[in-house]
Protein backbone atom coordinates (compact mmCIF):
# COMPACT_ATOMS: atom_id res chain seq x y z
CA MET A 1 19.64 -39.32 -9.37
CA PRO A 2 22.97 -41.11 -7.87
CA SER A 3 23.64 -38.22 -5.96
CA LEU A 4 20.27 -38.17 -4.34
CA GLY A 5 20.85 -42.02 -3.52
CA THR A 6 22.44 -40.95 0.14
CA ILE A 7 18.46 -40.19 1.32
CA PRO A 8 17.42 -42.81 3.13
CA HIS A 9 13.93 -44.68 1.86
CA GLY A 10 11.88 -43.59 4.93
CA VAL A 11 12.54 -39.74 4.00
CA TRP A 12 11.96 -40.26 0.70
CA LEU A 13 8.54 -42.16 1.35
CA GLY A 14 7.79 -38.88 3.95
CA MET A 15 8.28 -36.69 1.42
CA SER A 16 6.23 -38.10 -1.16
CA ILE A 17 3.32 -37.74 1.48
CA VAL A 18 3.95 -34.16 2.13
CA GLU A 19 4.43 -33.60 -1.76
CA LEU A 20 0.89 -35.16 -2.09
CA LEU A 21 -0.16 -32.59 0.26
CA CYS A 22 1.58 -29.92 -1.01
CA VAL A 23 -0.13 -30.29 -4.24
CA VAL A 24 -3.54 -30.48 -2.36
CA GLY A 25 -2.14 -27.08 -0.98
CA LEU A 26 -1.38 -25.76 -4.51
CA ILE A 27 -4.54 -26.62 -5.76
CA VAL A 28 -7.60 -25.91 -2.86
CA PRO A 29 -7.25 -22.32 -2.65
CA ALA A 30 -8.16 -22.00 -6.05
CA ILE A 31 -11.79 -23.50 -5.00
CA SER A 32 -11.85 -22.26 -1.33
CA LYS A 33 -10.96 -19.05 -0.36
CA ARG A 34 -10.77 -19.67 3.27
CA LEU A 35 -8.01 -21.71 2.72
CA ALA A 36 -5.95 -19.51 0.80
CA ILE A 37 -3.12 -19.62 3.13
CA LEU A 38 -2.28 -23.38 2.05
CA ALA A 39 -0.96 -21.73 -1.57
CA PRO A 40 2.46 -20.03 0.44
CA ILE A 41 3.17 -23.11 3.08
CA ALA A 42 3.19 -25.60 0.08
CA ALA A 43 5.00 -23.21 -2.08
CA ALA A 44 7.53 -22.30 1.10
CA TYR A 45 8.17 -26.44 1.27
CA VAL A 46 8.63 -26.92 -2.34
CA VAL A 47 11.34 -24.38 -2.14
CA ALA A 48 13.05 -25.87 0.92
CA GLU A 49 13.04 -29.45 -0.62
CA MET A 50 14.26 -28.19 -4.21
CA LEU A 51 17.29 -26.31 -2.07
CA LEU A 52 17.96 -29.18 0.06
CA PHE A 53 18.33 -31.53 -3.49
CA SER A 54 20.50 -28.77 -4.93
CA GLY A 55 22.61 -28.99 -1.96
CA VAL A 56 22.93 -32.69 -1.34
CA HIS A 57 23.41 -32.75 -5.02
CA LEU A 58 26.21 -30.15 -5.09
CA ALA A 59 27.85 -31.99 -1.74
CA SER A 60 27.81 -35.28 -3.32
CA GLY A 61 30.62 -33.88 -5.73
CA SER A 62 28.41 -34.21 -9.11
CA THR A 63 29.94 -32.36 -12.05
CA SER A 64 26.75 -32.13 -13.98
CA MET A 65 24.59 -29.01 -12.98
CA GLY A 66 21.58 -29.81 -15.21
CA PRO A 67 19.55 -31.19 -12.40
CA VAL A 68 20.91 -28.32 -10.00
CA ILE A 69 19.42 -25.54 -12.72
CA TYR A 70 16.48 -27.24 -12.73
CA TRP A 71 15.92 -27.78 -8.66
CA LEU A 72 16.72 -24.06 -8.56
CA VAL A 73 14.31 -22.76 -11.42
CA VAL A 74 11.56 -24.83 -9.71
CA ALA A 75 12.59 -22.80 -6.32
CA ALA A 76 12.63 -19.88 -7.81
CA ILE A 77 8.71 -20.09 -8.86
CA SER A 78 7.81 -21.59 -5.56
CA ALA A 79 9.81 -18.39 -4.14
CA PHE A 80 7.67 -16.18 -5.95
CA ILE A 81 4.26 -17.87 -5.31
CA VAL A 82 5.31 -17.22 -1.87
CA TYR A 83 6.20 -13.82 -2.13
CA GLY A 84 3.07 -13.03 -3.97
CA ARG A 85 1.08 -14.37 -1.68
CA LEU A 86 2.13 -13.03 1.20
CA VAL A 87 3.60 -9.74 -0.15
CA LEU A 88 2.61 -8.59 -3.13
CA LYS A 89 -1.10 -9.50 -2.76
CA PRO A 90 -1.34 -10.42 1.54
CA ILE A 91 -4.03 -12.81 2.46
CA ARG A 92 -6.25 -10.88 4.38
CA GLN A 93 -8.56 -11.99 7.42
CA SER A 94 -11.70 -10.78 5.46
CA GLU A 95 -10.73 -13.37 2.53
CA PHE A 96 -11.13 -15.98 5.55
CA ALA A 97 -15.20 -14.91 6.23
């Protein structure tokens, strides 16, 4: 994506490492209820990253909206995960025991 070329290589590398941690954060709570808080934290990062990508793409002046729609859909799904884990079915302290 040419519009995302403005993001430096070091930032991409750092984001890649954090994304791998997010993958773990979204999967591990299914195995261990004690780490349930990781899912909304990882999903919140994905929301922030997708909004960042959308903003950078729009600020670049690119007229293609396909990537922005994709990123916003991913952000909406991730935001629902955050909302669901923190509001609809809150994580209780008893789950950590």
